[in-house]
Amino acid sequence: MNEPAKRRGSGLKINNQHSSIPIPPKQTQKEIFDMQATEASKKIEGYKARTWELSGRFKEILQDQTLAANKTLISKDVEIEILNKIIVLALEMDSDETQPEGFGSTALCMLLMKMLLLQRDTINNIAFKLDQLDKQSNK
């Protein structure tokens, strides 16, 4: 009874050629690389599309001339929603392993600097018009 359990031969080979389940072909390194490159490219294109859409909507918010007192709760909520989506996009880009470190933060900073330049141009235009009105009233 204390005999060691007999093992089946370690060289047992099963031929699965006639199996109903096909054996998936092994992928080559090139195929794996191409698949990863395609996925990374799709991600980047998704980032570009989302960035384009959200930056356009952000620009619309900045160019909106509605007074704060005249804004509805819905319009305020839409503004907050757009800002949150921009932040989420930047965080996703920062956490993406295929992107350089800080890529999302850099993109967010670039967007903000461009919007600052638009605001500067608007302020300069208003200051110029105000100066012209002062000159006309002093005549």
Foldseek 3Di string as FASTA:
>chain_A
DPDDDDDDDPPDDDDCPVPPDDDDDDDDPVVVVVVVVVVVVVVVVVLVVLLVVLLVVQLVVLPDPDDPVPDDPVVVVVNVVSVVSLVVSLVVQCPDPVHDHNPSVVSVVVSVVVSVVVVVVVVVVVVVVVVVVVVVVVD
